[in-house]
């Protein structure tokens, strides 16, 4: 039986965003976004890795309070073609994919990247630009500042890339969704 969230009388209900992701870095980034936007985002990390399906999502959410306005997102690396094709088949969730990895999305906060790049090269570039050793799963203060300051630049850069090819990131779609909700909430407060 599905638990439904209900709005109090006369209140509007805000959508929850369910982000199913594959790793600690994606989880750390979504936590960062949740703190920045102050929007209800549920992070579901590493429940089945790349074996995720529509049925698994449905079964996971079955015991959770949900609402028809809720939206599901899949946040995965797009560097394995078989996994990418499987994720594209899940029509109930929006696919947010970075190729080769989420580190490319972080790198787009620093500069444009149009040539093929490996995850290791992205990590090396992040370490060089932050003058520290970037570690997967950790968003340090320097990176956090850059993710905050240059988000709109990263979105512009990512929009120019061919989705799912190397290099690319569709993370800007998730950011646009969060920005849209933020604007609606600020209008309500006025």
N, C-alpha and C. Protein backbone atom coordinates (compact mmCIF):
# COMPACT_ATOMS: atom_id res chain seq x y z
N UNK A 1 0.84 -1.18 0.00
CA UNK A 1 0.00 0.00 0.00
C UNK A 1 0.89 1.25 0.00
N UNK A 2 0.55 2.21 -0.83
CA UNK A 2 1.34 3.42 -0.97
C UNK A 2 0.87 4.46 0.05
N UNK A 3 1.82 5.03 0.76
CA UNK A 3 1.50 6.12 1.69
C UNK A 3 1.50 7.42 0.91
N UNK A 4 0.43 8.17 1.02
CA UNK A 4 0.33 9.45 0.32
C UNK A 4 0.53 10.59 1.31
N UNK A 5 1.33 11.57 0.88
CA UNK A 5 1.47 12.78 1.68
C UNK A 5 0.29 13.67 1.36
N UNK A 6 -0.28 14.27 2.34
CA UNK A 6 -1.42 15.16 2.13
C UNK A 6 -1.10 16.55 2.64
N UNK A 7 -1.59 17.54 1.92
CA UNK A 7 -1.38 18.93 2.33
C UNK A 7 -2.41 19.29 3.40
N UNK A 8 -1.99 20.10 4.34
CA UNK A 8 -2.93 20.63 5.32
C UNK A 8 -3.94 21.49 4.57
N UNK A 9 -5.11 21.66 5.14
CA UNK A 9 -6.16 22.42 4.47
C UNK A 9 -5.65 23.83 4.16
N UNK A 10 -5.83 24.23 2.90
CA UNK A 10 -5.41 25.56 2.47
C UNK A 10 -3.93 25.69 2.16
N UNK A 11 -3.16 24.62 2.28
CA UNK A 11 -1.72 24.67 2.02
C UNK A 11 -1.40 23.98 0.69
N UNK A 12 -0.38 24.45 0.03
CA UNK A 12 0.13 23.79 -1.17
C UNK A 12 1.21 22.81 -0.75
N UNK A 13 1.25 21.70 -1.45
CA UNK A 13 2.28 20.72 -1.13
C UNK A 13 3.42 20.86 -2.14
N UNK A 14 4.63 20.87 -1.63
CA UNK A 14 5.80 20.94 -2.49
C UNK A 14 6.20 19.53 -2.91
N UNK A 15 6.69 19.40 -4.13
CA UNK A 15 7.12 18.08 -4.56
C UNK A 15 8.39 17.65 -3.82
N UNK A 16 8.53 16.36 -3.63
CA UNK A 16 9.77 15.78 -3.14
C UNK A 16 10.52 15.29 -4.38
N UNK A 17 11.81 15.41 -4.32
CA UNK A 17 12.64 14.90 -5.40
C UNK A 17 13.35 13.66 -4.89
N UNK A 18 13.16 12.57 -5.58
CA UNK A 18 13.79 11.30 -5.24
C UNK A 18 14.96 11.11 -6.19
N UNK A 19 16.17 11.11 -5.64
CA UNK A 19 17.37 10.97 -6.46
C UNK A 19 17.99 9.62 -6.15
N UNK A 20 17.92 8.73 -7.13
CA UNK A 20 18.54 7.42 -7.03
C UNK A 20 19.91 7.54 -7.68
N UNK A 21 20.96 7.28 -6.91
CA UNK A 21 22.30 7.47 -7.44
C UNK A 21 23.19 6.28 -7.12
N UNK A 22 24.32 6.22 -7.82
CA UNK A 22 25.15 5.03 -7.72
C UNK A 22 26.29 5.13 -6.72
N UNK A 23 26.66 6.29 -6.28
CA UNK A 23 27.85 6.34 -5.45
C UNK A 23 27.89 7.45 -4.42
N UNK A 24 28.99 7.46 -3.68
CA UNK A 24 29.17 8.42 -2.58
C UNK A 24 29.35 9.85 -3.08
N UNK A 25 29.97 10.02 -4.23
CA UNK A 25 30.19 11.37 -4.75
C UNK A 25 28.86 12.01 -5.14
N UNK A 26 28.01 11.24 -5.84
CA UNK A 26 26.69 11.74 -6.20
C UNK A 26 25.89 12.06 -4.94
N UNK A 27 25.97 11.19 -3.96
CA UNK A 27 25.27 11.40 -2.69
C UNK A 27 25.74 12.69 -2.02
N UNK A 28 27.05 12.91 -1.99
CA UNK A 28 27.61 14.13 -1.38
C UNK A 28 27.16 15.37 -2.14
N UNK A 29 27.12 15.29 -3.46
CA UNK A 29 26.71 16.44 -4.26
C UNK A 29 25.22 16.75 -4.06
N UNK A 30 24.39 15.73 -4.03
CA UNK A 30 22.95 15.96 -3.82
C UNK A 30 22.71 16.53 -2.42
N UNK A 31 23.47 16.09 -1.44
CA UNK A 31 23.37 16.66 -0.09
C UNK A 31 23.74 18.14 -0.11
N UNK A 32 24.78 18.47 -0.86
CA UNK A 32 25.18 19.87 -1.03
C UNK A 32 24.04 20.68 -1.66
N UNK A 33 23.43 20.15 -2.72
CA UNK A 33 22.32 20.85 -3.38
C UNK A 33 21.13 21.01 -2.45
N UNK A 34 20.84 19.98 -1.68
CA UNK A 34 19.73 20.05 -0.73
C UNK A 34 19.95 21.17 0.28
N UNK A 35 21.19 21.33 0.74
CA UNK A 35 21.48 22.39 1.71
C UNK A 35 21.43 23.77 1.05
N UNK A 36 21.78 23.87 -0.22
CA UNK A 36 21.76 25.14 -0.93
C UNK A 36 20.34 25.59 -1.28
N UNK A 37 19.54 24.66 -1.75
CA UNK A 37 18.20 25.01 -2.23
C UNK A 37 17.12 24.89 -1.17
N UNK A 38 17.40 24.14 -0.12
CA UNK A 38 16.42 23.93 0.96
C UNK A 38 15.09 23.43 0.41
N UNK A 39 15.21 22.42 -0.43
CA UNK A 39 14.08 21.76 -1.08
C UNK A 39 14.10 20.29 -0.65
N UNK A 40 12.94 19.69 -0.44
CA UNK A 40 12.95 18.28 -0.01
C UNK A 40 13.48 17.34 -1.10
N UNK A 41 14.67 16.84 -0.87
CA UNK A 41 15.31 15.90 -1.78
C UNK A 41 15.65 14.65 -0.98
N UNK A 42 15.13 13.54 -1.44
CA UNK A 42 15.43 12.25 -0.81
C UNK A 42 16.53 11.59 -1.62
N UNK A 43 17.63 11.24 -0.96
CA UNK A 43 18.76 10.61 -1.63
C UNK A 43 18.68 9.11 -1.38
N UNK A 44 18.66 8.36 -2.46
CA UNK A 44 18.65 6.90 -2.36
C UNK A 44 19.91 6.43 -3.06
N UNK A 45 20.91 6.11 -2.27
CA UNK A 45 22.23 5.81 -2.83
C UNK A 45 22.55 4.33 -2.74
N UNK A 46 23.06 3.83 -3.82
CA UNK A 46 23.63 2.48 -3.89
C UNK A 46 22.70 1.37 -3.41
N UNK A 47 21.40 1.48 -3.67
CA UNK A 47 20.53 0.39 -3.21
C UNK A 47 20.75 -0.88 -4.03
N UNK A 48 20.98 -0.73 -5.33
CA UNK A 48 21.27 -1.90 -6.16
C UNK A 48 22.32 -1.58 -7.22
N UNK A 49 23.01 -0.48 -7.05
CA UNK A 49 24.02 -0.10 -8.03
C UNK A 49 23.42 0.11 -9.40
N UNK A 50 24.05 -0.46 -10.42
CA UNK A 50 23.58 -0.24 -11.78
C UNK A 50 22.50 -1.24 -12.20
N UNK A 51 21.96 -1.99 -11.26
CA UNK A 51 20.88 -2.94 -11.56
C UNK A 51 19.51 -2.33 -11.30
N UNK A 52 19.43 -1.03 -11.20
CA UNK A 52 18.18 -0.34 -10.89
C UNK A 52 17.17 -0.49 -12.03
N UNK A 53 15.91 -0.63 -11.66
CA UNK A 53 14.82 -0.76 -12.62
C UNK A 53 13.62 0.06 -12.11
N UNK A 54 12.62 0.22 -12.96
CA UNK A 54 11.39 0.90 -12.56
C UNK A 54 10.76 0.17 -11.38
N UNK A 55 10.74 -1.14 -11.43
CA UNK A 55 10.14 -1.94 -10.35
C UNK A 55 10.86 -1.72 -9.02
N UNK A 56 12.17 -1.65 -9.05
CA UNK A 56 12.95 -1.43 -7.81
C UNK A 56 12.62 -0.05 -7.23
N UNK A 57 12.51 0.96 -8.09
CA UNK A 57 12.15 2.30 -7.63
C UNK A 57 10.77 2.27 -6.99
N UNK A 58 9.81 1.67 -7.69
CA UNK A 58 8.43 1.58 -7.19
C UNK A 58 8.37 0.85 -5.86
N UNK A 59 9.06 -0.28 -5.76
CA UNK A 59 9.07 -1.05 -4.51
C UNK A 59 9.72 -0.28 -3.38
N UNK A 60 10.79 0.45 -3.67
CA UNK A 60 11.47 1.23 -2.63
C UNK A 60 10.54 2.31 -2.08
N UNK A 61 9.84 2.99 -2.96
CA UNK A 61 9.00 4.11 -2.55
C UNK A 61 7.66 3.65 -1.96
N UNK A 62 7.33 2.39 -2.12
CA UNK A 62 6.03 1.88 -1.67
C UNK A 62 5.77 2.12 -0.19
N UNK A 63 6.78 2.00 0.62
CA UNK A 63 6.60 2.19 2.06
C UNK A 63 6.85 3.63 2.52
N UNK A 64 7.11 4.51 1.56
CA UNK A 64 7.40 5.91 1.88
C UNK A 64 6.20 6.80 1.57
N UNK A 65 6.04 7.89 2.34
CA UNK A 65 4.97 8.84 1.99
C UNK A 65 5.32 9.55 0.69
N UNK A 66 4.44 9.50 -0.28
CA UNK A 66 4.69 10.12 -1.58
C UNK A 66 3.50 11.00 -1.97
N UNK A 67 3.69 11.75 -3.05
CA UNK A 67 2.65 12.61 -3.60
C UNK A 67 2.77 12.57 -5.11
N UNK A 68 1.69 12.83 -5.79
CA UNK A 68 1.72 12.79 -7.26
C UNK A 68 2.65 13.84 -7.86
N UNK A 69 2.96 14.91 -7.14
CA UNK A 69 3.88 15.94 -7.63
C UNK A 69 5.35 15.53 -7.51
N UNK A 70 5.64 14.46 -6.76
CA UNK A 70 7.02 14.02 -6.58
C UNK A 70 7.64 13.67 -7.93
N UNK A 71 8.95 13.84 -8.02
CA UNK A 71 9.68 13.51 -9.25
C UNK A 71 10.87 12.62 -8.90
N UNK A 72 11.12 11.68 -9.79
CA UNK A 72 12.23 10.75 -9.62
C UNK A 72 13.35 11.09 -10.61
N UNK A 73 14.57 10.99 -10.11
CA UNK A 73 15.75 11.22 -10.94
C UNK A 73 16.73 10.08 -10.75
N UNK A 74 17.44 9.74 -11.81
CA UNK A 74 18.51 8.76 -11.75
C UNK A 74 19.81 9.51 -12.01
N UNK A 75 20.73 9.50 -11.06
CA UNK A 75 21.99 10.22 -11.20
C UNK A 75 23.13 9.20 -11.29
N UNK A 76 23.61 8.99 -12.50
CA UNK A 76 24.59 7.95 -12.75
C UNK A 76 25.68 8.43 -13.70
N UNK A 77 26.81 7.73 -13.66
CA UNK A 77 27.86 7.95 -14.64
C UNK A 77 27.43 7.26 -15.93
N UNK A 78 27.76 7.86 -17.07
CA UNK A 78 27.31 7.35 -18.36
C UNK A 78 28.44 6.72 -19.17
N UNK A 79 29.48 6.28 -18.49
CA UNK A 79 30.64 5.76 -19.22
C UNK A 79 30.54 4.29 -19.59
N UNK A 80 29.52 3.57 -19.11
CA UNK A 80 29.33 2.16 -19.47
C UNK A 80 28.08 2.08 -20.34
N UNK A 81 28.25 1.83 -21.65
CA UNK A 81 27.11 1.86 -22.57
C UNK A 81 25.95 0.93 -22.18
N UNK A 82 26.23 -0.26 -21.69
CA UNK A 82 25.16 -1.20 -21.31
C UNK A 82 24.32 -0.63 -20.17
N UNK A 83 24.98 -0.06 -19.18
CA UNK A 83 24.27 0.53 -18.04
C UNK A 83 23.45 1.73 -18.50
N UNK A 84 24.03 2.56 -19.35
CA UNK A 84 23.33 3.74 -19.86
C UNK A 84 22.06 3.34 -20.59
N UNK A 85 22.14 2.34 -21.44
CA UNK A 85 20.95 1.89 -22.18
C UNK A 85 19.87 1.38 -21.24
N UNK A 86 20.28 0.66 -20.21
CA UNK A 86 19.33 0.15 -19.22
C UNK A 86 18.65 1.31 -18.47
N UNK A 87 19.42 2.32 -18.11
CA UNK A 87 18.87 3.49 -17.41
C UNK A 87 17.90 4.27 -18.30
N UNK A 88 18.19 4.36 -19.59
CA UNK A 88 17.31 5.06 -20.52
C UNK A 88 15.94 4.39 -20.63
N UNK A 89 15.88 3.10 -20.35
CA UNK A 89 14.62 2.36 -20.43
C UNK A 89 13.67 2.69 -19.27
N UNK A 90 14.17 3.29 -18.20
CA UNK A 90 13.33 3.62 -17.04
C UNK A 90 12.65 4.96 -17.34
N UNK A 91 11.43 4.89 -17.81
CA UNK A 91 10.70 6.09 -18.25
C UNK A 91 10.07 6.86 -17.09
N UNK A 92 9.99 6.24 -15.92
CA UNK A 92 9.35 6.89 -14.77
C UNK A 92 10.28 7.87 -14.06
N UNK A 93 11.54 7.93 -14.47
CA UNK A 93 12.51 8.82 -13.83
C UNK A 93 13.31 9.55 -14.90
N UNK A 94 13.73 10.76 -14.55
CA UNK A 94 14.57 11.54 -15.46
C UNK A 94 16.03 11.16 -15.23
N UNK A 95 16.71 10.85 -16.32
CA UNK A 95 18.10 10.43 -16.25
C UNK A 95 19.02 11.65 -16.24
N UNK A 96 19.82 11.73 -15.18
CA UNK A 96 20.85 12.76 -15.05
C UNK A 96 22.18 12.02 -15.11
N UNK A 97 22.84 12.12 -16.25
CA UNK A 97 24.05 11.33 -16.46
C UNK A 97 25.22 12.21 -16.86
N UNK A 98 26.39 11.84 -16.35
CA UNK A 98 27.63 12.53 -16.71
C UNK A 98 28.57 11.50 -17.31
N UNK A 99 29.20 11.87 -18.40
CA UNK A 99 30.14 10.96 -19.06
C UNK A 99 31.48 11.66 -19.20
N UNK A 100 32.53 11.20 -18.55
CA UNK A 100 32.67 9.85 -18.01
C UNK A 100 32.12 9.68 -16.60
N UNK A 101 32.03 10.77 -15.82
CA UNK A 101 31.60 10.63 -14.42
C UNK A 101 31.14 12.00 -13.91
N UNK A 102 30.63 12.02 -12.70
CA UNK A 102 30.17 13.28 -12.10
C UNK A 102 31.30 14.29 -11.95
N UNK A 103 32.52 13.79 -11.90
CA UNK A 103 33.67 14.72 -11.80
C UNK A 103 33.75 15.64 -13.02
N UNK A 104 33.25 15.20 -14.18
CA UNK A 104 33.20 16.09 -15.33
C UNK A 104 32.28 17.27 -15.02
N UNK A 105 31.14 17.01 -14.39
CA UNK A 105 30.23 18.10 -14.02
C UNK A 105 30.94 19.10 -13.11
N UNK A 106 31.69 18.59 -12.15
CA UNK A 106 32.45 19.48 -11.27
C UNK A 106 33.46 20.30 -12.07
N UNK A 107 34.15 19.63 -12.99
CA UNK A 107 35.17 20.29 -13.81
C UNK A 107 34.56 21.40 -14.67
N UNK A 108 33.31 21.21 -15.12
CA UNK A 108 32.65 22.24 -15.93
C UNK A 108 32.41 23.53 -15.14
N UNK A 109 32.54 23.48 -13.84
CA UNK A 109 32.45 24.70 -13.04
C UNK A 109 33.72 25.54 -13.16
N UNK A 110 34.78 24.97 -13.70
CA UNK A 110 36.07 25.65 -13.87
C UNK A 110 36.31 26.09 -15.31
N UNK A 111 35.96 25.20 -16.25
CA UNK A 111 36.25 25.53 -17.65
C UNK A 111 35.43 24.67 -18.59
N UNK A 112 35.40 25.09 -19.85
CA UNK A 112 34.72 24.34 -20.90
C UNK A 112 35.55 23.11 -21.23
N UNK A 113 34.88 22.00 -21.46
CA UNK A 113 35.56 20.76 -21.85
C UNK A 113 34.82 20.17 -23.04
N UNK A 114 35.46 20.14 -24.19
CA UNK A 114 34.81 19.60 -25.38
C UNK A 114 35.50 18.35 -25.92
N UNK A 115 36.73 18.10 -25.50
CA UNK A 115 37.46 16.92 -25.97
C UNK A 115 37.21 15.74 -25.02
N UNK A 116 37.30 14.54 -25.56
CA UNK A 116 37.15 13.32 -24.76
C UNK A 116 38.06 13.40 -23.53
N UNK A 117 37.56 12.94 -22.39
CA UNK A 117 38.32 13.01 -21.14
C UNK A 117 38.00 11.80 -20.27
N UNK A 118 38.97 11.35 -19.51
CA UNK A 118 38.76 10.21 -18.61
C UNK A 118 38.41 10.72 -17.21
N UNK A 119 37.86 9.83 -16.40
CA UNK A 119 37.57 10.19 -15.00
C UNK A 119 38.86 10.57 -14.29
N UNK A 120 39.93 9.81 -14.51
CA UNK A 120 41.21 10.12 -13.86
C UNK A 120 41.72 11.50 -14.24
N UNK A 121 41.53 11.88 -15.50
CA UNK A 121 41.97 13.22 -15.93
C UNK A 121 41.10 14.30 -15.27
N UNK A 122 39.80 14.05 -15.15
CA UNK A 122 38.92 15.01 -14.45
C UNK A 122 39.39 15.19 -13.00
N UNK A 123 39.68 14.08 -12.34
CA UNK A 123 40.15 14.12 -10.95
C UNK A 123 41.47 14.88 -10.85
N UNK A 124 42.37 14.62 -11.78
CA UNK A 124 43.66 15.31 -11.80
C UNK A 124 43.45 16.82 -11.97
N UNK A 125 42.57 17.20 -12.90
CA UNK A 125 42.30 18.62 -13.14
C UNK A 125 41.66 19.28 -11.92
N UNK A 126 40.73 18.59 -11.26
CA UNK A 126 40.11 19.14 -10.05
C UNK A 126 41.15 19.33 -8.95
N UNK A 127 42.04 18.36 -8.80
CA UNK A 127 43.11 18.47 -7.79
C UNK A 127 44.02 19.65 -8.09
N UNK A 128 44.39 19.81 -9.36
CA UNK A 128 45.27 20.92 -9.75
C UNK A 128 44.60 22.27 -9.52
N UNK A 129 43.37 22.39 -9.87
CA UNK A 129 42.68 23.67 -9.76
C UNK A 129 42.38 24.05 -8.31
N UNK A 130 42.14 23.05 -7.47
CA UNK A 130 41.88 23.32 -6.05
C UNK A 130 43.15 23.27 -5.20
N UNK A 131 44.25 22.91 -5.84
CA UNK A 131 45.55 22.78 -5.15
C UNK A 131 45.46 21.86 -3.93
N UNK A 132 44.78 20.74 -4.14
CA UNK A 132 44.69 19.71 -3.10
C UNK A 132 44.43 18.37 -3.78
N UNK A 133 44.32 17.32 -3.01
CA UNK A 133 44.00 16.01 -3.57
C UNK A 133 42.50 15.79 -3.52
N UNK A 134 41.87 15.85 -4.68
CA UNK A 134 40.45 15.58 -4.76
C UNK A 134 40.21 14.11 -4.41
N UNK A 135 39.20 13.86 -3.60
CA UNK A 135 38.84 12.49 -3.23
C UNK A 135 37.38 12.27 -3.56
N UNK A 136 37.10 11.14 -4.24
CA UNK A 136 35.72 10.80 -4.55
C UNK A 136 34.91 10.69 -3.25
N UNK A 137 33.69 11.17 -3.29
CA UNK A 137 32.81 11.07 -2.13
C UNK A 137 32.91 12.24 -1.16
N UNK A 138 33.86 13.16 -1.42
CA UNK A 138 34.06 14.29 -0.51
C UNK A 138 34.03 15.59 -1.31
N UNK A 139 33.21 16.51 -0.85
CA UNK A 139 33.19 17.85 -1.46
C UNK A 139 33.77 18.80 -0.42
N UNK A 140 35.04 19.16 -0.63
CA UNK A 140 35.71 20.04 0.33
C UNK A 140 35.27 21.49 0.12
N UNK A 141 35.72 22.36 0.99
CA UNK A 141 35.30 23.77 0.99
C UNK A 141 35.63 24.48 -0.33
N UNK A 142 36.82 24.24 -0.87
CA UNK A 142 37.21 24.91 -2.12
C UNK A 142 36.29 24.49 -3.27
N UNK A 143 36.03 23.19 -3.37
CA UNK A 143 35.15 22.69 -4.42
C UNK A 143 33.72 23.18 -4.18
N UNK A 144 33.28 23.15 -2.96
CA UNK A 144 31.93 23.62 -2.62
C UNK A 144 31.75 25.08 -3.06
N UNK A 145 32.73 25.92 -2.77
CA UNK A 145 32.65 27.33 -3.18
C UNK A 145 32.52 27.46 -4.69
N UNK A 146 33.31 26.69 -5.42
CA UNK A 146 33.28 26.75 -6.89
C UNK A 146 31.95 26.23 -7.43
N UNK A 147 31.42 25.16 -6.82
CA UNK A 147 30.13 24.61 -7.25
C UNK A 147 29.01 25.62 -7.04
N UNK A 148 29.12 26.41 -5.99
CA UNK A 148 28.12 27.43 -5.69
C UNK A 148 28.28 28.63 -6.63
N UNK A 149 29.51 29.13 -6.75
CA UNK A 149 29.78 30.35 -7.52
C UNK A 149 29.56 30.19 -9.02
N UNK A 150 29.93 29.05 -9.57
CA UNK A 150 29.94 28.89 -11.02
C UNK A 150 28.89 27.93 -11.55
N UNK A 151 27.83 27.73 -10.82
CA UNK A 151 26.81 26.79 -11.24
C UNK A 151 26.17 27.19 -12.58
N UNK A 152 25.85 28.45 -12.73
CA UNK A 152 25.21 28.88 -13.99
C UNK A 152 26.17 28.73 -15.18
N UNK A 153 27.47 28.98 -14.95
CA UNK A 153 28.46 28.78 -16.02
C UNK A 153 28.55 27.30 -16.40
N UNK A 154 28.54 26.43 -15.39
CA UNK A 154 28.60 24.98 -15.65
C UNK A 154 27.36 24.53 -16.43
N UNK A 155 26.20 25.07 -16.08
CA UNK A 155 24.97 24.73 -16.80
C UNK A 155 25.07 25.14 -18.27
N UNK A 156 25.55 26.35 -18.52
CA UNK A 156 25.73 26.83 -19.89
C UNK A 156 26.69 25.93 -20.66
N UNK A 157 27.79 25.56 -20.03
CA UNK A 157 28.78 24.71 -20.69
C UNK A 157 28.21 23.32 -20.97
N UNK A 158 27.49 22.76 -20.01
CA UNK A 158 26.93 21.42 -20.16
C UNK A 158 25.85 21.37 -21.24
N UNK A 159 25.06 22.42 -21.34
CA UNK A 159 23.98 22.46 -22.35
C UNK A 159 24.52 22.39 -23.77
N UNK A 160 25.74 22.82 -23.98
CA UNK A 160 26.35 22.82 -25.32
C UNK A 160 26.91 21.45 -25.70
N UNK A 161 26.98 20.53 -24.76
CA UNK A 161 27.55 19.21 -25.02
C UNK A 161 26.46 18.22 -25.45
N UNK A 162 26.85 17.23 -26.22
CA UNK A 162 25.92 16.20 -26.70
C UNK A 162 25.61 15.23 -25.56
N UNK A 163 24.34 15.15 -25.12
CA UNK A 163 24.00 14.28 -23.97
C UNK A 163 24.48 12.84 -24.14
N UNK A 164 25.03 12.33 -23.06
CA UNK A 164 25.48 10.94 -22.91
C UNK A 164 26.78 10.60 -23.62
N UNK A 165 27.30 11.50 -24.49
CA UNK A 165 28.60 11.27 -25.11
C UNK A 165 29.69 11.78 -24.19
N UNK A 166 30.91 11.37 -24.43
CA UNK A 166 32.04 11.86 -23.65
C UNK A 166 32.65 13.04 -24.40
N UNK A 167 32.70 14.22 -23.79
CA UNK A 167 32.25 14.63 -22.47
C UNK A 167 30.81 15.15 -22.51
N UNK A 168 30.08 14.91 -21.44
CA UNK A 168 28.74 15.47 -21.31
C UNK A 168 28.23 15.32 -19.89
N UNK A 169 27.27 16.15 -19.56
CA UNK A 169 26.56 16.05 -18.29
C UNK A 169 25.19 16.67 -18.46
N UNK A 170 24.17 15.96 -18.04
CA UNK A 170 22.81 16.51 -18.08
C UNK A 170 22.40 16.98 -16.68
N UNK A 171 23.36 17.18 -15.82
CA UNK A 171 23.09 17.67 -14.46
C UNK A 171 22.37 19.03 -14.50
N UNK A 172 22.61 19.79 -15.54
CA UNK A 172 21.96 21.10 -15.64
C UNK A 172 20.44 20.97 -15.63
N UNK A 173 19.89 19.84 -16.08
CA UNK A 173 18.44 19.64 -16.06
C UNK A 173 17.92 19.59 -14.63
N UNK A 174 18.67 18.93 -13.76
CA UNK A 174 18.29 18.86 -12.35
C UNK A 174 18.41 20.24 -11.70
N UNK A 175 19.47 20.95 -12.01
CA UNK A 175 19.67 22.30 -11.47
C UNK A 175 18.54 23.22 -11.92
N UNK A 176 18.15 23.14 -13.20
CA UNK A 176 17.04 23.96 -13.70
C UNK A 176 15.75 23.65 -12.95
N UNK A 177 15.51 22.38 -12.66
CA UNK A 177 14.31 21.99 -11.91
C UNK A 177 14.34 22.59 -10.51
N UNK A 178 15.48 22.53 -9.85
CA UNK A 178 15.60 23.09 -8.50
C UNK A 178 15.44 24.61 -8.54
N UNK A 179 15.99 25.26 -9.54
CA UNK A 179 15.85 26.71 -9.68
C UNK A 179 14.38 27.10 -9.89
N UNK A 180 13.67 26.31 -10.68
CA UNK A 180 12.26 26.59 -10.93
C UNK A 180 11.47 26.52 -9.62
N UNK A 181 11.70 25.51 -8.83
CA UNK A 181 10.99 25.36 -7.55
C UNK A 181 11.38 26.48 -6.60
N UNK A 182 12.65 26.85 -6.60
CA UNK A 182 13.12 27.94 -5.73
C UNK A 182 12.39 29.25 -6.07
N UNK A 183 12.22 29.54 -7.36
CA UNK A 183 11.51 30.75 -7.79
C UNK A 183 10.05 30.71 -7.34
N UNK A 184 9.41 29.57 -7.48
CA UNK A 184 8.01 29.43 -7.06
C UNK A 184 7.89 29.66 -5.57
N UNK A 185 8.81 29.09 -4.80
CA UNK A 185 8.76 29.26 -3.35
C UNK A 185 9.01 30.72 -2.96
N UNK A 186 9.93 31.39 -3.62
CA UNK A 186 10.19 32.79 -3.26
C UNK A 186 9.01 33.68 -3.62
N UNK A 187 8.28 33.36 -4.68
CA UNK A 187 7.09 34.14 -5.05
C UNK A 187 6.00 33.96 -3.98
N UNK A 188 5.88 32.76 -3.45
CA UNK A 188 4.89 32.50 -2.40
C UNK A 188 5.18 33.30 -1.13
N UNK A 189 6.46 33.54 -0.87
CA UNK A 189 6.85 34.26 0.34
C UNK A 189 6.64 35.77 0.22
N UNK A 190 6.48 36.26 -0.99
CA UNK A 190 6.33 37.71 -1.22
C UNK A 190 4.94 38.18 -0.89
